[in-house]
């Protein structure tokens, strides 16, 4: 974190460091952020080039200046809530903001390819009580239709396994639809408080995704939310539609008076955060103890056939 002076104002920035071997990814991120500068729900970068310096050991470092998210990542923000579950109004608001960001990203023919709670940043709204969410970490982003150079050596994982779509596991091609699958994973996680495919080892996960399976959607979710997630989890990528189309889904419908609901939700958010503040350390400790990648014994055909997922 650094302090930056702009005219007569001072503000904090986050500094993303990279060694020389990862220079290309950081430069890619800068290029994309400069292209998307000013668009809604995209993190802002400062400067038009990477800064160069050296680590204490003498290794060359490259630095990218980004706006500072005082509320941290979406993953960290979820720790403020009991069982890491958001109230439904906040889920809908955050989903809308994420899709609004995708409209800009996809409109410039990019696919992010690694969207997850750690790569979404939460900011307090400058003009009102409440929060806004922004997409960050474009180091893995690709132009639509491209295949990452590392995919053949790291296959089948093009992004973070638990948020990947079936087609990205099968062929590694960057398409807008892979980001929409991840949106379904995010909405599900905001409702349940747990990562998709929790407890499934990577070998079994790869097999299930190659078969077009999706993680289980609890029956307890509201019907419009389930339908939205199922749309994101469509086996055929084109059936997921687009970010713009998903914004018109009944799950995100905004009837007259919606702004009043959003204002009330912002007040609820502050109240709920205050109520669980004394529980934050406990939840953070439990989260740190939780292993996101559960490497168990290799899956057999019996595991695949007995897994209680669902196919859409």
C-alpha atoms as a PDB file:
ATOM      1  CA  UNK A   1       0.000   0.000   0.000  1.00  0.00           C
ATOM      2  CA  UNK A   2       1.302   3.448  -0.927  1.00  0.00           C
ATOM      3  CA  UNK A   3       0.167   7.061  -0.663  1.00  0.00           C
ATOM      4  CA  UNK A   4      -0.243   8.876  -3.973  1.00  0.00           C
ATOM      5  CA  UNK A   5      -0.566  12.626  -4.404  1.00  0.00           C
ATOM      6  CA  UNK A   6      -2.768  13.981  -7.169  1.00  0.00           C
ATOM      7  CA  UNK A   7      -2.855  17.769  -7.347  1.00  0.00           C
ATOM      8  CA  UNK A   8      -3.855  18.711  -3.799  1.00  0.00           C
ATOM      9  CA  UNK A   9      -5.334  15.328  -2.870  1.00  0.00           C
ATOM     10  CA  UNK A  10      -3.754  12.312  -1.214  1.00  0.00           C
ATOM     11  CA  UNK A  11      -5.131   8.805  -1.529  1.00  0.00           C
ATOM     12  CA  UNK A  12      -4.076   5.232  -0.914  1.00  0.00           C
ATOM     13  CA  UNK A  13      -3.137   2.786  -3.623  1.00  0.00           C
ATOM     14  CA  UNK A  14      -2.519  -0.941  -3.616  1.00  0.00           C
ATOM     15  CA  UNK A  15       0.747  -2.112  -5.158  1.00  0.00           C
ATOM     16  CA  UNK A  16       0.850  -5.362  -7.102  1.00  0.00           C
ATOM     17  CA  UNK A  17       4.396  -6.714  -7.430  1.00  0.00           C
ATOM     18  CA  UNK A  18       5.786  -9.184  -9.932  1.00  0.00           C
ATOM     19  CA  UNK A  19       9.228 -10.616 -10.619  1.00  0.00           C
ATOM     20  CA  UNK A  20      10.720 -10.589 -14.091  1.00  0.00           C
ATOM     21  CA  UNK A  21       9.469 -14.078 -14.944  1.00  0.00           C
ATOM     22  CA  UNK A  22       5.864 -12.896 -14.489  1.00  0.00           C
ATOM     23  CA  UNK A  23       6.358  -9.550 -16.204  1.00  0.00           C
ATOM     24  CA  UNK A  24       4.196 -10.500 -19.210  1.00  0.00           C
ATOM     25  CA  UNK A  25       1.109 -11.195 -17.077  1.00  0.00           C
ATOM     26  CA  UNK A  26       1.429  -7.930 -15.178  1.00  0.00           C
ATOM     27  CA  UNK A  27       1.937  -5.982 -18.413  1.00  0.00           C
ATOM     28  CA  UNK A  28      -1.138  -7.675 -19.888  1.00  0.00           C
ATOM     29  CA  UNK A  29      -3.144  -6.638 -16.852  1.00  0.00           C
ATOM     30  CA  UNK A  30      -1.979  -3.034 -17.164  1.00  0.00           C
ATOM     31  CA  UNK A  31      -2.796  -2.910 -20.883  1.00  0.00           C
ATOM     32  CA  UNK A  32      -6.310  -4.228 -20.321  1.00  0.00           C
ATOM     33  CA  UNK A  33      -6.989  -1.925 -17.367  1.00  0.00           C
ATOM     34  CA  UNK A  34      -5.853   1.083 -19.400  1.00  0.00           C
ATOM     35  CA  UNK A  35      -8.213   0.047 -22.185  1.00  0.00           C
ATOM     36  CA  UNK A  36     -11.079  -0.381 -19.719  1.00  0.00           C
ATOM     37  CA  UNK A  37     -10.305   2.792 -17.760  1.00  0.00           C
ATOM     38  CA  UNK A  38     -13.435   4.672 -16.739  1.00  0.00           C
ATOM     39  CA  UNK A  39     -15.833   1.780 -17.282  1.00  0.00           C
ATOM     40  CA  UNK A  40     -18.096   0.802 -14.359  1.00  0.00           C
ATOM     41  CA  UNK A  41     -17.139  -1.891 -11.868  1.00  0.00           C
ATOM     42  CA  UNK A  42     -13.580  -2.314 -13.151  1.00  0.00           C
ATOM     43  CA  UNK A  43     -10.703  -1.610 -10.759  1.00  0.00           C
ATOM     44  CA  UNK A  44      -8.725   1.540 -11.623  1.00  0.00           C
ATOM     45  CA  UNK A  45      -4.977   1.547 -12.245  1.00  0.00           C
ATOM     46  CA  UNK A  46      -2.689   4.568 -11.818  1.00  0.00           C
ATOM     47  CA  UNK A  47      -0.033   5.480 -14.349  1.00  0.00           C
ATOM     48  CA  UNK A  48       0.435   4.205 -17.876  1.00  0.00           C
ATOM     49  CA  UNK A  49       3.469   1.993 -17.296  1.00  0.00           C
ATOM     50  CA  UNK A  50       4.845  -0.457 -14.751  1.00  0.00           C
ATOM     51  CA  UNK A  51       7.256   0.860 -12.160  1.00  0.00           C
ATOM     52  CA  UNK A  52      10.622  -0.863 -11.859  1.00  0.00           C
ATOM     53  CA  UNK A  53      12.562  -1.491  -8.664  1.00  0.00           C
ATOM     54  CA  UNK A  54      14.595  -4.182  -6.935  1.00  0.00           C
ATOM     55  CA  UNK A  55      13.821  -6.525  -4.071  1.00  0.00           C
ATOM     56  CA  UNK A  56      16.053  -6.767  -1.014  1.00  0.00           C
ATOM     57  CA  UNK A  57      17.726  -9.785  -2.587  1.00  0.00           C
ATOM     58  CA  UNK A  58      18.531  -7.773  -5.713  1.00  0.00           C
ATOM     59  CA  UNK A  59      15.886  -9.308  -7.988  1.00  0.00           C
ATOM     60  CA  UNK A  60      14.157  -6.984 -10.432  1.00  0.00           C
ATOM     61  CA  UNK A  61      10.590  -6.074  -9.503  1.00  0.00           C
ATOM     62  CA  UNK A  62       7.734  -4.622 -11.525  1.00  0.00           C
ATOM     63  CA  UNK A  63       4.935  -2.752  -9.779  1.00  0.00           C
ATOM     64  CA  UNK A  64       1.371  -1.967 -10.791  1.00  0.00           C
ATOM     65  CA  UNK A  65      -0.481   0.786  -8.886  1.00  0.00           C
ATOM     66  CA  UNK A  66      -4.170   0.046  -8.274  1.00  0.00           C
ATOM     67  CA  UNK A  67      -6.903   1.779  -6.326  1.00  0.00           C
ATOM     68  CA  UNK A  68      -7.043   0.571  -2.743  1.00  0.00           C
ATOM     69  CA  UNK A  69     -10.085  -1.521  -1.740  1.00  0.00           C
ATOM     70  CA  UNK A  70     -10.585  -0.674   1.928  1.00  0.00           C
ATOM     71  CA  UNK A  71     -13.084  -3.526   2.376  1.00  0.00           C
ATOM     72  CA  UNK A  72     -10.794  -6.095   0.797  1.00  0.00           C
ATOM     73  CA  UNK A  73     -11.778  -8.903  -1.534  1.00  0.00           C
ATOM     74  CA  UNK A  74     -15.264 -10.360  -1.794  1.00  0.00           C
ATOM     75  CA  UNK A  75     -13.943 -13.462  -0.051  1.00  0.00           C
ATOM     76  CA  UNK A  76     -12.705 -11.424   2.920  1.00  0.00           C
ATOM     77  CA  UNK A  77     -15.911  -9.364   2.974  1.00  0.00           C
ATOM     78  CA  UNK A  78     -17.986 -12.543   3.278  1.00  0.00           C
ATOM     79  CA  UNK A  79     -16.201 -13.303   6.550  1.00  0.00           C
ATOM     80  CA  UNK A  80     -18.134 -10.417   8.112  1.00  0.00           C
ATOM     81  CA  UNK A  81     -21.363 -12.427   7.847  1.00  0.00           C
ATOM     82  CA  UNK A  82     -22.573 -15.395   9.835  1.00  0.00           C
ATOM     83  CA  UNK A  83     -21.731 -18.578   7.904  1.00  0.00           C
ATOM     84  CA  UNK A  84     -20.372 -16.241   5.180  1.00  0.00           C
ATOM     85  CA  UNK A  85     -23.901 -15.899   3.725  1.00  0.00           C
ATOM     86  CA  UNK A  86     -25.065 -12.571   2.300  1.00  0.00           C
ATOM     87  CA  UNK A  87     -28.626 -11.232   2.578  1.00  0.00           C
ATOM     88  CA  UNK A  88     -30.422 -11.685  -0.727  1.00  0.00           C
ATOM     89  CA  UNK A  89     -30.675  -7.954  -1.622  1.00  0.00           C
ATOM     90  CA  UNK A  90     -26.901  -7.649  -1.366  1.00  0.00           C
ATOM     91  CA  UNK A  91     -26.416 -10.763  -3.506  1.00  0.00           C
ATOM     92  CA  UNK A  92     -28.575  -9.249  -6.218  1.00  0.00           C
ATOM     93  CA  UNK A  93     -26.805  -5.896  -6.088  1.00  0.00           C
ATOM     94  CA  UNK A  94     -23.344  -7.460  -6.274  1.00  0.00           C
ATOM     95  CA  UNK A  95     -24.417  -9.790  -9.102  1.00  0.00           C
ATOM     96  CA  UNK A  96     -25.743  -6.825 -11.072  1.00  0.00           C
ATOM     97  CA  UNK A  97     -22.455  -4.969 -10.596  1.00  0.00           C
ATOM     98  CA  UNK A  98     -20.385  -7.976 -11.676  1.00  0.00           C
ATOM     99  CA  UNK A  99     -22.445  -8.403 -14.830  1.00  0.00           C
ATOM    100  CA  UNK A 100     -22.186  -4.679 -15.525  1.00  0.00           C
ATOM    101  CA  UNK A 101     -18.421  -5.108 -15.415  1.00  0.00           C
ATOM    102  CA  UNK A 102     -18.628  -8.089 -17.775  1.00  0.00           C
ATOM    103  CA  UNK A 103     -20.535  -6.011 -20.309  1.00  0.00           C
ATOM    104  CA  UNK A 104     -17.476  -3.759 -20.577  1.00  0.00           C
ATOM    105  CA  UNK A 105     -14.885  -6.551 -20.489  1.00  0.00           C
ATOM    106  CA  UNK A 106     -16.685  -8.690 -23.054  1.00  0.00           C
ATOM    107  CA  UNK A 107     -17.501  -5.631 -25.135  1.00  0.00           C
ATOM    108  CA  UNK A 108     -13.748  -5.226 -25.641  1.00  0.00           C
ATOM    109  CA  UNK A 109     -13.477  -8.907 -26.684  1.00  0.00           C
ATOM    110  CA  UNK A 110     -11.723 -10.112 -23.525  1.00  0.00           C
ATOM    111  CA  UNK A 111     -12.490 -13.078 -21.291  1.00  0.00           C
ATOM    112  CA  UNK A 112     -11.245 -12.818 -17.707  1.00  0.00           C
ATOM    113  CA  UNK A 113     -10.829 -16.612 -17.295  1.00  0.00           C
ATOM    114  CA  UNK A 114     -10.198 -16.541 -13.533  1.00  0.00           C
ATOM    115  CA  UNK A 115     -13.076 -14.876 -11.757  1.00  0.00           C
ATOM    116  CA  UNK A 116     -13.537 -15.844  -8.105  1.00  0.00           C
ATOM    117  CA  UNK A 117     -14.204 -14.048  -4.793  1.00  0.00           C
ATOM    118  CA  UNK A 118     -10.490 -13.299  -4.335  1.00  0.00           C
ATOM    119  CA  UNK A 119     -10.458 -11.368  -7.635  1.00  0.00           C
ATOM    120  CA  UNK A 120     -13.440  -9.151  -6.821  1.00  0.00           C
ATOM    121  CA  UNK A 121     -12.811  -6.079  -4.663  1.00  0.00           C
ATOM    122  CA  UNK A 122     -15.288  -4.338  -2.365  1.00  0.00           C
ATOM    123  CA  UNK A 123     -15.337  -0.548  -1.963  1.00  0.00           C
ATOM    124  CA  UNK A 124     -17.533   1.746   0.126  1.00  0.00           C
ATOM    125  CA  UNK A 125     -19.804   3.806  -2.107  1.00  0.00           C
ATOM    126  CA  UNK A 126     -18.462   7.377  -2.224  1.00  0.00           C
ATOM    127  CA  UNK A 127     -21.865   9.024  -2.595  1.00  0.00           C
ATOM    128  CA  UNK A 128     -24.021   6.948  -0.250  1.00  0.00           C
ATOM    129  CA  UNK A 129     -24.044   4.313   2.427  1.00  0.00           C
ATOM    130  CA  UNK A 130     -23.360   0.888   0.994  1.00  0.00           C
ATOM    131  CA  UNK A 131     -20.812  -0.903  -1.135  1.00  0.00           C
ATOM    132  CA  UNK A 132     -19.789  -1.453  -4.703  1.00  0.00           C
ATOM    133  CA  UNK A 133     -17.826  -4.314  -6.203  1.00  0.00           C
ATOM    134  CA  UNK A 134     -15.162  -4.167  -8.901  1.00  0.00           C
ATOM    135  CA  UNK A 135     -13.462  -6.786 -11.068  1.00  0.00           C
ATOM    136  CA  UNK A 136      -9.691  -7.041 -10.663  1.00  0.00           C
ATOM    137  CA  UNK A 137      -6.719  -9.299 -11.486  1.00  0.00           C
ATOM    138  CA  UNK A 138      -6.679  -9.425 -15.282  1.00  0.00           C
ATOM    139  CA  UNK A 139      -3.350 -11.251 -15.432  1.00  0.00           C
ATOM    140  CA  UNK A 140      -5.004 -14.385 -16.826  1.00  0.00           C
ATOM    141  CA  UNK A 141      -7.333 -12.525 -19.197  1.00  0.00           C
ATOM    142  CA  UNK A 142      -7.213 -13.391 -22.882  1.00  0.00           C
ATOM    143  CA  UNK A 143      -8.717 -12.161 -26.093  1.00  0.00           C
ATOM    144  CA  UNK A 144     -11.783 -14.195 -26.960  1.00  0.00           C
ATOM    145  CA  UNK A 145     -10.805 -17.329 -28.887  1.00  0.00           C
ATOM    146  CA  UNK A 146      -7.254 -17.519 -27.556  1.00  0.00           C
ATOM    147  CA  UNK A 147      -5.760 -20.482 -25.688  1.00  0.00           C
ATOM    148  CA  UNK A 148      -3.302 -19.732 -22.847  1.00  0.00           C
ATOM    149  CA  UNK A 149       0.263 -20.801 -23.568  1.00  0.00           C
ATOM    150  CA  UNK A 150       0.486 -22.719 -20.305  1.00  0.00           C
ATOM    151  CA  UNK A 151      -2.721 -24.700 -20.824  1.00  0.00           C
ATOM    152  CA  UNK A 152      -1.080 -27.718 -22.443  1.00  0.00           C
ATOM    153  CA  UNK A 153       1.415 -28.078 -19.580  1.00  0.00           C
ATOM    154  CA  UNK A 154      -1.060 -27.264 -16.780  1.00  0.00           C
ATOM    155  CA  UNK A 155      -4.121 -28.804 -18.344  1.00  0.00           C
ATOM    156  CA  UNK A 156      -6.930 -29.107 -17.686  1.00  0.00           C
ATOM    157  CA  UNK A 157      -6.896 -26.002 -15.485  1.00  0.00           C
ATOM    158  CA  UNK A 158      -7.101 -22.636 -17.251  1.00  0.00           C
ATOM    159  CA  UNK A 159      -8.243 -20.746 -14.143  1.00  0.00           C
ATOM    160  CA  UNK A 160      -9.172 -21.660 -10.577  1.00  0.00           C
ATOM    161  CA  UNK A 161     -10.620 -25.202 -10.780  1.00  0.00           C
ATOM    162  CA  UNK A 162     -13.738 -24.772  -8.638  1.00  0.00           C
ATOM    163  CA  UNK A 163     -14.980 -21.846 -10.762  1.00  0.00           C
ATOM    164  CA  UNK A 164     -14.166 -23.295 -14.197  1.00  0.00           C
ATOM    165  CA  UNK A 165     -16.675 -24.314 -16.849  1.00  0.00           C
ATOM    166  CA  UNK A 166     -16.794 -27.726 -18.579  1.00  0.00           C
ATOM    167  CA  UNK A 167     -15.686 -26.411 -21.971  1.00  0.00           C
ATOM    168  CA  UNK A 168     -12.681 -24.583 -20.514  1.00  0.00           C
ATOM    169  CA  UNK A 169     -11.515 -27.878 -19.006  1.00  0.00           C
ATOM    170  CA  UNK A 170     -12.007 -29.727 -22.292  1.00  0.00           C
ATOM    171  CA  UNK A 171     -10.327 -27.342 -24.737  1.00  0.00           C
ATOM    172  CA  UNK A 172      -8.903 -24.363 -22.819  1.00  0.00           C
ATOM    173  CA  UNK A 173     -10.337 -21.788 -25.245  1.00  0.00           C
ATOM    174  CA  UNK A 174     -11.104 -18.380 -23.730  1.00  0.00           C
ATOM    175  CA  UNK A 175     -14.746 -17.514 -24.368  1.00  0.00           C
ATOM    176  CA  UNK A 176     -17.107 -15.036 -22.747  1.00  0.00           C
ATOM    177  CA  UNK A 177     -19.264 -17.950 -21.643  1.00  0.00           C
ATOM    178  CA  UNK A 178     -16.586 -19.219 -19.220  1.00  0.00           C
ATOM    179  CA  UNK A 179     -16.979 -15.997 -17.218  1.00  0.00           C
ATOM    180  CA  UNK A 180     -20.754 -16.437 -17.110  1.00  0.00           C
ATOM    181  CA  UNK A 181     -20.367 -19.942 -15.665  1.00  0.00           C
ATOM    182  CA  UNK A 182     -18.202 -18.394 -12.939  1.00  0.00           C
ATOM    183  CA  UNK A 183     -20.956 -15.869 -12.174  1.00  0.00           C
ATOM    184  CA  UNK A 184     -23.240 -18.794 -11.356  1.00  0.00           C
ATOM    185  CA  UNK A 185     -20.580 -20.136  -8.996  1.00  0.00           C
ATOM    186  CA  UNK A 186     -20.299 -16.740  -7.293  1.00  0.00           C
ATOM    187  CA  UNK A 187     -24.042 -16.335  -6.792  1.00  0.00           C
ATOM    188  CA  UNK A 188     -24.247 -19.837  -5.347  1.00  0.00           C
ATOM    189  CA  UNK A 189     -21.357 -19.121  -2.969  1.00  0.00           C
ATOM    190  CA  UNK A 190     -22.902 -15.847  -1.786  1.00  0.00           C
ATOM    191  CA  UNK A 191     -26.094 -17.734  -0.897  1.00  0.00           C
ATOM    192  CA  UNK A 192     -24.505 -20.784   0.744  1.00  0.00           C
ATOM    193  CA  UNK A 193     -21.262 -19.380   2.144  1.00  0.00           C
ATOM    194  CA  UNK A 194     -19.197 -22.287   0.789  1.00  0.00           C
ATOM    195  CA  UNK A 195     -17.099 -22.653  -2.344  1.00  0.00           C
ATOM    196  CA  UNK A 196     -18.529 -24.628  -5.283  1.00  0.00           C
ATOM    197  CA  UNK A 197     -17.652 -28.331  -5.271  1.00  0.00           C
ATOM    198  CA  UNK A 198     -16.498 -28.166  -1.648  1.00  0.00           C
ATOM    199  CA  UNK A 199     -14.910 -31.467  -0.610  1.00  0.00           C
ATOM    200  CA  UNK A 200     -14.469 -32.722  -4.199  1.00  0.00           C
ATOM    201  CA  UNK A 201     -10.875 -33.589  -5.096  1.00  0.00           C
ATOM    202  CA  UNK A 202      -9.359 -32.220  -8.292  1.00  0.00           C
ATOM    203  CA  UNK A 203      -9.202 -35.546 -10.115  1.00  0.00           C
ATOM    204  CA  UNK A 204     -12.922 -36.145  -9.615  1.00  0.00           C
ATOM    205  CA  UNK A 205     -13.684 -32.498 -10.382  1.00  0.00           C
ATOM    206  CA  UNK A 206     -11.918 -32.713 -13.746  1.00  0.00           C
ATOM    207  CA  UNK A 207     -13.893 -35.841 -14.611  1.00  0.00           C
ATOM    208  CA  UNK A 208     -17.218 -34.314 -13.586  1.00  0.00           C
ATOM    209  CA  UNK A 209     -16.607 -31.115 -15.554  1.00  0.00           C
ATOM    210  CA  UNK A 210     -15.544 -33.065 -18.639  1.00  0.00           C
ATOM    211  CA  UNK A 211     -18.901 -34.835 -18.392  1.00  0.00           C
ATOM    212  CA  UNK A 212     -20.689 -31.470 -18.298  1.00  0.00           C
ATOM    213  CA  UNK A 213     -21.700 -31.689 -14.649  1.00  0.00           C
ATOM    214  CA  UNK A 214     -22.373 -28.669 -12.448  1.00  0.00           C
ATOM    215  CA  UNK A 215     -22.109 -28.341  -8.696  1.00  0.00           C
ATOM    216  CA  UNK A 216     -25.284 -29.018  -6.746  1.00  0.00           C
ATOM    217  CA  UNK A 217     -27.785 -26.188  -6.272  1.00  0.00           C
ATOM    218  CA  UNK A 218     -29.663 -26.417  -2.944  1.00  0.00           C
ATOM    219  CA  UNK A 219     -33.420 -26.751  -3.237  1.00  0.00           C
ATOM    220  CA  UNK A 220     -33.768 -24.173  -0.465  1.00  0.00           C
ATOM    221  CA  UNK A 221     -32.696 -21.316  -2.761  1.00  0.00           C
ATOM    222  CA  UNK A 222     -35.421 -19.038  -4.176  1.00  0.00           C
ATOM    223  CA  UNK A 223     -36.769 -20.295  -7.498  1.00  0.00           C
ATOM    224  CA  UNK A 224     -35.605 -17.271  -9.503  1.00  0.00           C
ATOM    225  CA  UNK A 225     -32.099 -17.602  -8.035  1.00  0.00           C
ATOM    226  CA  UNK A 226     -31.984 -21.310  -8.900  1.00  0.00           C
ATOM    227  CA  UNK A 227     -33.105 -20.575 -12.440  1.00  0.00           C
ATOM    228  CA  UNK A 228     -30.465 -17.860 -12.806  1.00  0.00           C
ATOM    229  CA  UNK A 229     -27.694 -20.183 -11.600  1.00  0.00           C
ATOM    230  CA  UNK A 230     -28.951 -23.007 -13.824  1.00  0.00           C
ATOM    231  CA  UNK A 231     -28.804 -20.627 -16.790  1.00  0.00           C
ATOM    232  CA  UNK A 232     -25.183 -19.840 -15.960  1.00  0.00           C
ATOM    233  CA  UNK A 233     -24.528 -23.589 -15.660  1.00  0.00           C
ATOM    234  CA  UNK A 234     -26.047 -24.465 -19.039  1.00  0.00           C
ATOM    235  CA  UNK A 235     -24.109 -27.259 -20.753  1.00  0.00           C
ATOM    236  CA  UNK A 236     -24.218 -25.450 -24.079  1.00  0.00           C
ATOM    237  CA  UNK A 237     -22.228 -22.202 -23.698  1.00  0.00           C
ATOM    238  CA  UNK A 238     -24.483 -20.271 -26.061  1.00  0.00           C
ATOM    239  CA  UNK A 239     -27.476 -21.047 -23.829  1.00  0.00           C
ATOM    240  CA  UNK A 240     -25.908 -18.961 -21.057  1.00  0.00           C
ATOM    241  CA  UNK A 241     -26.572 -15.913 -23.195  1.00  0.00           C
ATOM    242  CA  UNK A 242     -24.538 -12.808 -22.477  1.00  0.00           C
ATOM    243  CA  UNK A 243     -23.877 -10.538 -19.530  1.00  0.00           C
ATOM    244  CA  UNK A 244     -26.447  -8.097 -20.887  1.00  0.00           C
ATOM    245  CA  UNK A 245     -29.051 -10.823 -21.263  1.00  0.00           C
ATOM    246  CA  UNK A 246     -28.430 -12.144 -17.748  1.00  0.00           C
ATOM    247  CA  UNK A 247     -29.013  -8.647 -16.384  1.00  0.00           C
ATOM    248  CA  UNK A 248     -32.595  -8.892 -17.655  1.00  0.00           C
ATOM    249  CA  UNK A 249     -33.221 -12.226 -15.893  1.00  0.00           C
ATOM    250  CA  UNK A 250     -36.163 -12.132 -13.419  1.00  0.00           C
ATOM    251  CA  UNK A 251     -33.689 -12.801 -10.605  1.00  0.00           C
ATOM    252  CA  UNK A 252     -32.259  -9.316 -11.197  1.00  0.00           C
ATOM    253  CA  UNK A 253     -35.458  -7.559 -12.244  1.00  0.00           C
ATOM    254  CA  UNK A 254     -35.681  -4.011 -10.919  1.00  0.00           C
ATOM    255  CA  UNK A 255     -39.303  -2.912 -10.556  1.00  0.00           C
ATOM    256  CA  UNK A 256     -40.371   0.622  -9.789  1.00  0.00           C
ATOM    257  CA  UNK A 257     -39.118   1.567  -6.356  1.00  0.00           C
ATOM    258  CA  UNK A 258     -35.992  -0.566  -6.712  1.00  0.00           C
ATOM    259  CA  UNK A 259     -33.737   2.321  -5.762  1.00  0.00           C
ATOM    260  CA  UNK A 260     -35.608   2.604  -2.460  1.00  0.00           C
ATOM    261  CA  UNK A 261     -34.981  -1.095  -1.883  1.00  0.00           C
ATOM    262  CA  UNK A 262     -31.309  -0.643  -2.669  1.00  0.00           C
ATOM    263  CA  UNK A 263     -31.029   2.263  -0.252  1.00  0.00           C
ATOM    264  CA  UNK A 264     -32.690   0.203   2.470  1.00  0.00           C
ATOM    265  CA  UNK A 265     -30.362  -2.691   1.661  1.00  0.00           C
ATOM    266  CA  UNK A 266     -27.354  -0.435   2.114  1.00  0.00           C
ATOM    267  CA  UNK A 267     -28.574   0.415   5.595  1.00  0.00           C
ATOM    268  CA  UNK A 268     -29.117  -3.281   6.341  1.00  0.00           C
ATOM    269  CA  UNK A 269     -25.590  -4.042   5.211  1.00  0.00           C
ATOM    270  CA  UNK A 270     -24.081  -1.646   7.733  1.00  0.00           C
ATOM    271  CA  UNK A 271     -26.300  -2.955  10.546  1.00  0.00           C
ATOM    272  CA  UNK A 272     -25.451  -6.582   9.806  1.00  0.00           C
ATOM    273  CA  UNK A 273     -21.734  -5.922   9.565  1.00  0.00           C
ATOM    274  CA  UNK A 274     -21.851  -4.181  12.953  1.00  0.00           C
ATOM    275  CA  UNK A 275     -23.788  -7.056  14.499  1.00  0.00           C
ATOM    276  CA  UNK A 276     -21.231  -9.655  13.481  1.00  0.00           C
ATOM    277  CA  UNK A 277     -18.116  -7.558  14.021  1.00  0.00           C
ATOM    278  CA  UNK A 278     -17.332  -9.360  17.257  1.00  0.00           C
ATOM    279  CA  UNK A 279     -17.532 -12.689  15.419  1.00  0.00           C
ATOM    280  CA  UNK A 280     -15.189 -11.727  12.583  1.00  0.00           C
ATOM    281  CA  UNK A 281     -12.013 -13.120  14.113  1.00  0.00           C
ATOM    282  CA  UNK A 282     -13.699 -16.432  14.781  1.00  0.00           C
ATOM    283  CA  UNK A 283     -14.954 -16.774  11.219  1.00  0.00           C
ATOM    284  CA  UNK A 284     -11.604 -15.725   9.777  1.00  0.00           C
ATOM    285  CA  UNK A 285      -9.844 -18.384  11.825  1.00  0.00           C
ATOM    286  CA  UNK A 286     -12.328 -21.013  10.681  1.00  0.00           C
ATOM    287  CA  UNK A 287     -11.839 -19.873   7.088  1.00  0.00           C
ATOM    288  CA  UNK A 288      -8.058 -20.078   7.361  1.00  0.00           C
ATOM    289  CA  UNK A 289      -8.359 -23.594   8.743  1.00  0.00           C
ATOM    290  CA  UNK A 290     -10.524 -24.626   5.848  1.00  0.00           C
ATOM    291  CA  UNK A 291      -8.617 -26.186   2.976  1.00  0.00           C
ATOM    292  CA  UNK A 292      -9.992 -24.986  -0.334  1.00  0.00           C
ATOM    293  CA  UNK A 293      -8.309 -27.710  -2.320  1.00  0.00           C
ATOM    294  CA  UNK A 294      -9.183 -31.065  -0.774  1.00  0.00           C
ATOM    295  CA  UNK A 295      -6.759 -33.548  -2.292  1.00  0.00           C
ATOM    296  CA  UNK A 296      -8.104 -36.969  -1.519  1.00  0.00           C
ATOM    297  CA  UNK A 297      -7.487 -40.307  -3.173  1.00  0.00           C
ATOM    298  CA  UNK A 298      -8.025 -40.465  -6.905  1.00  0.00           C
ATOM    299  CA  UNK A 299     -11.606 -40.808  -8.030  1.00  0.00           C
ATOM    300  CA  UNK A 300     -12.874 -44.106  -9.355  1.00  0.00           C
ATOM    301  CA  UNK A 301     -15.745 -44.585 -11.739  1.00  0.00           C
ATOM    302  CA  UNK A 302     -17.861 -45.477  -8.721  1.00  0.00           C
ATOM    303  CA  UNK A 303     -17.205 -42.010  -7.226  1.00  0.00           C
ATOM    304  CA  UNK A 304     -18.321 -40.315 -10.412  1.00  0.00           C
ATOM    305  CA  UNK A 305     -21.513 -42.342 -10.688  1.00  0.00           C
ATOM    306  CA  UNK A 306     -22.365 -41.842  -7.012  1.00  0.00           C
ATOM    307  CA  UNK A 307     -21.721 -38.113  -6.885  1.00  0.00           C
ATOM    308  CA  UNK A 308     -24.981 -36.286  -6.186  1.00  0.00           C
ATOM    309  CA  UNK A 309     -24.514 -33.357  -8.477  1.00  0.00           C
ATOM    310  CA  UNK A 310     -26.892 -32.299 -11.231  1.00  0.00           C
ATOM    311  CA  UNK A 311     -26.717 -31.850 -14.943  1.00  0.00           C
ATOM    312  CA  UNK A 312     -28.382 -28.942 -16.686  1.00  0.00           C
END
